Structures are given as C-alpha cells and as structure tokens.
Amino acid sequence: MRLLSLLADRLRAALDGSVRAGLAPYVEERGAIRAEVDALRLGITALSRDREALDRWLTRRAGPFTGDMTVHEAWARHPRAKEVFARHHLPACPACAVGADETLAEAAFGYRLSLEDLLGELNAVLRP
C-alpha cells in the first residue's frame, strides 16, 4: 500500500512538472501580450490627450462658422464639425450629394434645415 502511494505521488509530481513545462511558453506569451495591450492603452491615452489639445487649439484659433462658408471650409475649420453634419444627415465627406464647394446656406436650404440652428450647433463646437 505504501509503495502504491509512493508511486502515485511520483506520478502526480511528474505529470504536474510536464504540464507546467508544457504551459510555460503560453504563460510567457500571455505576459508578452499583456505588455503589448498595456503599451497600446498608453498610446490610446496619449492620442486622446493630443486630440483634446488639438480641439482646444482649433477652438481658440477658429472664427465663427458663417452661412457663406463652404462645406469644405467647415470641415477644415474644426474636426467636430463633421459630427454636427452627421446629426443632420448632411454630407460629412466629399462623396455626398451636397458638394464641398457649396455654402452652408445652400446646404441648409437643400436639406430644409434652419441655417441659424445649423450655425448655432457648429459654433457650439468652438466653445471651450
């Protein structure tokens, strides 16, 4: 009985050792993947801070949106202008029906929107 117990202990130890040895590369790989994910998180955080800084800089630099400004000028004025356009189903890219060379007044008329409301929302993105 004692011999059987001793053999069982040795077999358990051998299996445990081989399982651990077999898992070792995966444990190392998991650590490397975790390090990459952490580095990506730091990069995303830095990009987010950079975007916020750019938004603040553009907000200070940009004058108000006006009805005679072209759609393209509005896109270039502030990156968040495209968000306002999207909320109103206005063009947010050069391939849309309203041309980039049309004025905001023409775009608002074409989409049956209030120009004053559109300009109000666009100018709101310029406020800190």
C-alpha atoms as a PDB file:
ATOM      1  CA  MET A   1       0.000   0.000   0.000  1.00  0.00           C
ATOM      2  CA  ARG A   2       2.818   2.330   0.899  1.00  0.00           C
ATOM      3  CA  LEU A   3       4.539   1.532  -2.398  1.00  0.00           C
ATOM      4  CA  LEU A   4       1.365   2.302  -4.312  1.00  0.00           C
ATOM      5  CA  SER A   5       1.040   5.639  -2.520  1.00  0.00           C
ATOM      6  CA  LEU A   6       4.680   6.480  -3.271  1.00  0.00           C
ATOM      7  CA  LEU A   7       4.221   5.619  -6.968  1.00  0.00           C
ATOM      8  CA  ALA A   8       1.057   7.739  -7.115  1.00  0.00           C
ATOM      9  CA  ASP A   9       2.906  10.701  -5.569  1.00  0.00           C
ATOM     10  CA  ARG A  10       5.770  10.365  -8.074  1.00  0.00           C
ATOM     11  CA  LEU A  11       3.362  10.064 -10.980  1.00  0.00           C
ATOM     12  CA  ARG A  12       1.480  13.175  -9.809  1.00  0.00           C
ATOM     13  CA  ALA A  13       4.743  15.100  -9.484  1.00  0.00           C
ATOM     14  CA  ALA A  14       5.912  14.005 -12.934  1.00  0.00           C
ATOM     15  CA  LEU A  15       2.596  14.925 -14.543  1.00  0.00           C
ATOM     16  CA  ASP A  16       2.493  18.236 -12.708  1.00  0.00           C
ATOM     17  CA  GLY A  17       6.024  19.041 -13.887  1.00  0.00           C
ATOM     18  CA  SER A  18       5.304  18.103 -17.504  1.00  0.00           C
ATOM     19  CA  VAL A  19       2.060  20.078 -17.525  1.00  0.00           C
ATOM     20  CA  ARG A  20       3.822  23.117 -16.107  1.00  0.00           C
ATOM     21  CA  ALA A  21       6.634  22.740 -18.632  1.00  0.00           C
ATOM     22  CA  GLY A  22       4.088  22.432 -21.432  1.00  0.00           C
ATOM     23  CA  LEU A  23       2.253  25.550 -20.296  1.00  0.00           C
ATOM     24  CA  ALA A  24       5.394  27.655 -19.806  1.00  0.00           C
ATOM     25  CA  PRO A  25       5.515  29.030 -23.385  1.00  0.00           C
ATOM     26  CA  TYR A  26       1.853  30.036 -23.170  1.00  0.00           C
ATOM     27  CA  VAL A  27       2.389  31.770 -19.851  1.00  0.00           C
ATOM     28  CA  GLU A  28       5.300  33.715 -21.362  1.00  0.00           C
ATOM     29  CA  GLU A  29       3.232  34.584 -24.440  1.00  0.00           C
ATOM     30  CA  ARG A  30       0.367  35.760 -22.247  1.00  0.00           C
ATOM     31  CA  GLY A  31       2.782  38.063 -20.440  1.00  0.00           C
ATOM     32  CA  ALA A  32       4.057  39.471 -23.733  1.00  0.00           C
ATOM     33  CA  ILE A  33       0.505  40.034 -24.977  1.00  0.00           C
ATOM     34  CA  ARG A  34      -0.424  41.733 -21.716  1.00  0.00           C
ATOM     35  CA  ALA A  35       2.599  44.046 -22.097  1.00  0.00           C
ATOM     36  CA  GLU A  36       1.536  44.907 -25.663  1.00  0.00           C
ATOM     37  CA  VAL A  37      -2.017  45.656 -24.541  1.00  0.00           C
ATOM     38  CA  ASP A  38      -0.704  47.920 -21.778  1.00  0.00           C
ATOM     39  CA  ALA A  39       1.502  49.751 -24.296  1.00  0.00           C
ATOM     40  CA  LEU A  40      -1.475  50.179 -26.642  1.00  0.00           C
ATOM     41  CA  ARG A  41      -3.570  51.566 -23.789  1.00  0.00           C
ATOM     42  CA  LEU A  42      -0.872  54.132 -23.053  1.00  0.00           C
ATOM     43  CA  GLY A  43      -0.739  55.048 -26.741  1.00  0.00           C
ATOM     44  CA  ILE A  44      -4.508  55.469 -26.913  1.00  0.00           C
ATOM     45  CA  THR A  45      -4.446  57.662 -23.820  1.00  0.00           C
ATOM     46  CA  ALA A  46      -1.724  59.821 -25.372  1.00  0.00           C
ATOM     47  CA  LEU A  47      -3.667  60.112 -28.644  1.00  0.00           C
ATOM     48  CA  SER A  48      -6.792  61.088 -26.738  1.00  0.00           C
ATOM     49  CA  ARG A  49      -4.891  63.833 -24.920  1.00  0.00           C
ATOM     50  CA  ASP A  50      -3.403  65.015 -28.232  1.00  0.00           C
ATOM     51  CA  ARG A  51      -6.871  65.162 -29.819  1.00  0.00           C
ATOM     52  CA  GLU A  52      -8.228  67.151 -26.887  1.00  0.00           C
ATOM     53  CA  ALA A  53      -5.288  69.563 -27.137  1.00  0.00           C
ATOM     54  CA  LEU A  54      -5.858  69.938 -30.882  1.00  0.00           C
ATOM     55  CA  ASP A  55      -9.562  70.603 -30.304  1.00  0.00           C
ATOM     56  CA  ARG A  56      -8.685  73.315 -27.763  1.00  0.00           C
ATOM     57  CA  TRP A  57      -6.142  74.876 -30.146  1.00  0.00           C
ATOM     58  CA  LEU A  58      -8.564  74.836 -33.068  1.00  0.00           C
ATOM     59  CA  THR A  59     -11.296  76.299 -30.898  1.00  0.00           C
ATOM     60  CA  ARG A  60      -9.107  79.258 -29.900  1.00  0.00           C
ATOM     61  CA  ARG A  61      -7.856  79.749 -33.468  1.00  0.00           C
ATOM     62  CA  ALA A  62     -11.089  79.377 -35.419  1.00  0.00           C
ATOM     63  CA  GLY A  63     -13.507  82.172 -36.062  1.00  0.00           C
ATOM     64  CA  PRO A  64     -17.240  81.521 -36.133  1.00  0.00           C
ATOM     65  CA  PHE A  65     -18.954  79.435 -38.794  1.00  0.00           C
ATOM     66  CA  THR A  66     -20.918  81.569 -41.257  1.00  0.00           C
ATOM     67  CA  GLY A  67     -23.531  80.892 -43.926  1.00  0.00           C
ATOM     68  CA  ASP A  68     -21.218  81.960 -46.759  1.00  0.00           C
ATOM     69  CA  MET A  69     -18.529  79.479 -45.672  1.00  0.00           C
ATOM     70  CA  THR A  70     -18.266  76.423 -47.915  1.00  0.00           C
ATOM     71  CA  VAL A  71     -18.900  72.924 -46.645  1.00  0.00           C
ATOM     72  CA  HIS A  72     -15.216  72.150 -47.227  1.00  0.00           C
ATOM     73  CA  GLU A  73     -14.170  75.176 -45.169  1.00  0.00           C
ATOM     74  CA  ALA A  74     -16.459  73.998 -42.363  1.00  0.00           C
ATOM     75  CA  TRP A  75     -14.852  70.538 -42.433  1.00  0.00           C
ATOM     76  CA  ALA A  76     -11.415  72.149 -42.267  1.00  0.00           C
ATOM     77  CA  ARG A  77     -12.367  74.651 -39.545  1.00  0.00           C
ATOM     78  CA  HIS A  78     -12.875  72.075 -36.810  1.00  0.00           C
ATOM     79  CA  PRO A  79     -12.829  68.245 -36.763  1.00  0.00           C
ATOM     80  CA  ARG A  80     -16.065  68.084 -34.760  1.00  0.00           C
ATOM     81  CA  ALA A  81     -17.990  69.936 -37.493  1.00  0.00           C
ATOM     82  CA  LYS A  82     -18.467  66.570 -39.207  1.00  0.00           C
ATOM     83  CA  GLU A  83     -20.299  65.336 -36.094  1.00  0.00           C
ATOM     84  CA  VAL A  84     -22.800  68.190 -36.427  1.00  0.00           C
ATOM     85  CA  PHE A  85     -23.219  67.443 -40.131  1.00  0.00           C
ATOM     86  CA  ALA A  86     -23.847  63.760 -39.368  1.00  0.00           C
ATOM     87  CA  ARG A  87     -26.550  64.588 -36.787  1.00  0.00           C
ATOM     88  CA  HIS A  88     -28.473  66.410 -39.523  1.00  0.00           C
ATOM     89  CA  HIS A  89     -27.735  63.815 -42.209  1.00  0.00           C
ATOM     90  CA  LEU A  90     -25.703  66.420 -44.050  1.00  0.00           C
ATOM     91  CA  PRO A  91     -22.642  65.486 -46.038  1.00  0.00           C
ATOM     92  CA  ALA A  92     -19.689  64.579 -43.918  1.00  0.00           C
ATOM     93  CA  CYS A  93     -17.487  63.509 -46.803  1.00  0.00           C
ATOM     94  CA  PRO A  94     -16.646  64.792 -50.301  1.00  0.00           C
ATOM     95  CA  ALA A  95     -18.654  61.960 -51.948  1.00  0.00           C
ATOM     96  CA  CYS A  96     -22.044  63.133 -50.576  1.00  0.00           C
ATOM     97  CA  ALA A  97     -24.807  64.781 -52.643  1.00  0.00           C
ATOM     98  CA  VAL A  98     -24.132  68.316 -51.416  1.00  0.00           C
ATOM     99  CA  GLY A  99     -20.851  69.459 -52.878  1.00  0.00           C
ATOM    100  CA  ALA A 100     -17.940  70.570 -50.756  1.00  0.00           C
ATOM    101  CA  ASP A 101     -17.889  73.857 -52.680  1.00  0.00           C
ATOM    102  CA  GLU A 102     -21.485  74.742 -51.738  1.00  0.00           C
ATOM    103  CA  THR A 103     -22.032  77.188 -48.917  1.00  0.00           C
ATOM    104  CA  LEU A 104     -23.510  76.215 -45.591  1.00  0.00           C
ATOM    105  CA  ALA A 105     -26.562  78.313 -46.511  1.00  0.00           C
ATOM    106  CA  GLU A 106     -27.026  76.298 -49.717  1.00  0.00           C
ATOM    107  CA  ALA A 107     -26.562  73.008 -47.860  1.00  0.00           C
ATOM    108  CA  ALA A 108     -29.094  74.016 -45.189  1.00  0.00           C
ATOM    109  CA  PHE A 109     -31.588  75.071 -47.878  1.00  0.00           C
ATOM    110  CA  GLY A 110     -31.037  71.843 -49.814  1.00  0.00           C
ATOM    111  CA  TYR A 111     -31.686  69.749 -46.710  1.00  0.00           C
ATOM    112  CA  ARG A 112     -34.536  72.002 -45.455  1.00  0.00           C
ATOM    113  CA  LEU A 113     -32.729  72.952 -42.258  1.00  0.00           C
ATOM    114  CA  SER A 114     -32.694  76.208 -40.363  1.00  0.00           C
ATOM    115  CA  LEU A 115     -29.404  77.910 -41.197  1.00  0.00           C
ATOM    116  CA  GLU A 116     -29.444  79.667 -37.814  1.00  0.00           C
ATOM    117  CA  ASP A 117     -29.808  76.357 -35.955  1.00  0.00           C
ATOM    118  CA  LEU A 118     -27.070  74.723 -38.031  1.00  0.00           C
ATOM    119  CA  LEU A 119     -24.688  77.631 -37.456  1.00  0.00           C
ATOM    120  CA  GLY A 120     -25.564  77.625 -33.751  1.00  0.00           C
ATOM    121  CA  GLU A 121     -24.609  73.968 -33.423  1.00  0.00           C
ATOM    122  CA  LEU A 122     -21.443  74.406 -35.471  1.00  0.00           C
ATOM    123  CA  ASN A 123     -20.366  77.421 -33.429  1.00  0.00           C
ATOM    124  CA  ALA A 124     -21.082  75.492 -30.222  1.00  0.00           C
ATOM    125  CA  VAL A 125     -18.187  73.129 -31.019  1.00  0.00           C
ATOM    126  CA  LEU A 126     -15.887  76.148 -30.910  1.00  0.00           C
ATOM    127  CA  ARG A 127     -16.763  76.969 -27.306  1.00  0.00           C
ATOM    128  CA  PRO A 128     -14.471  75.509 -24.652  1.00  0.00           C
END
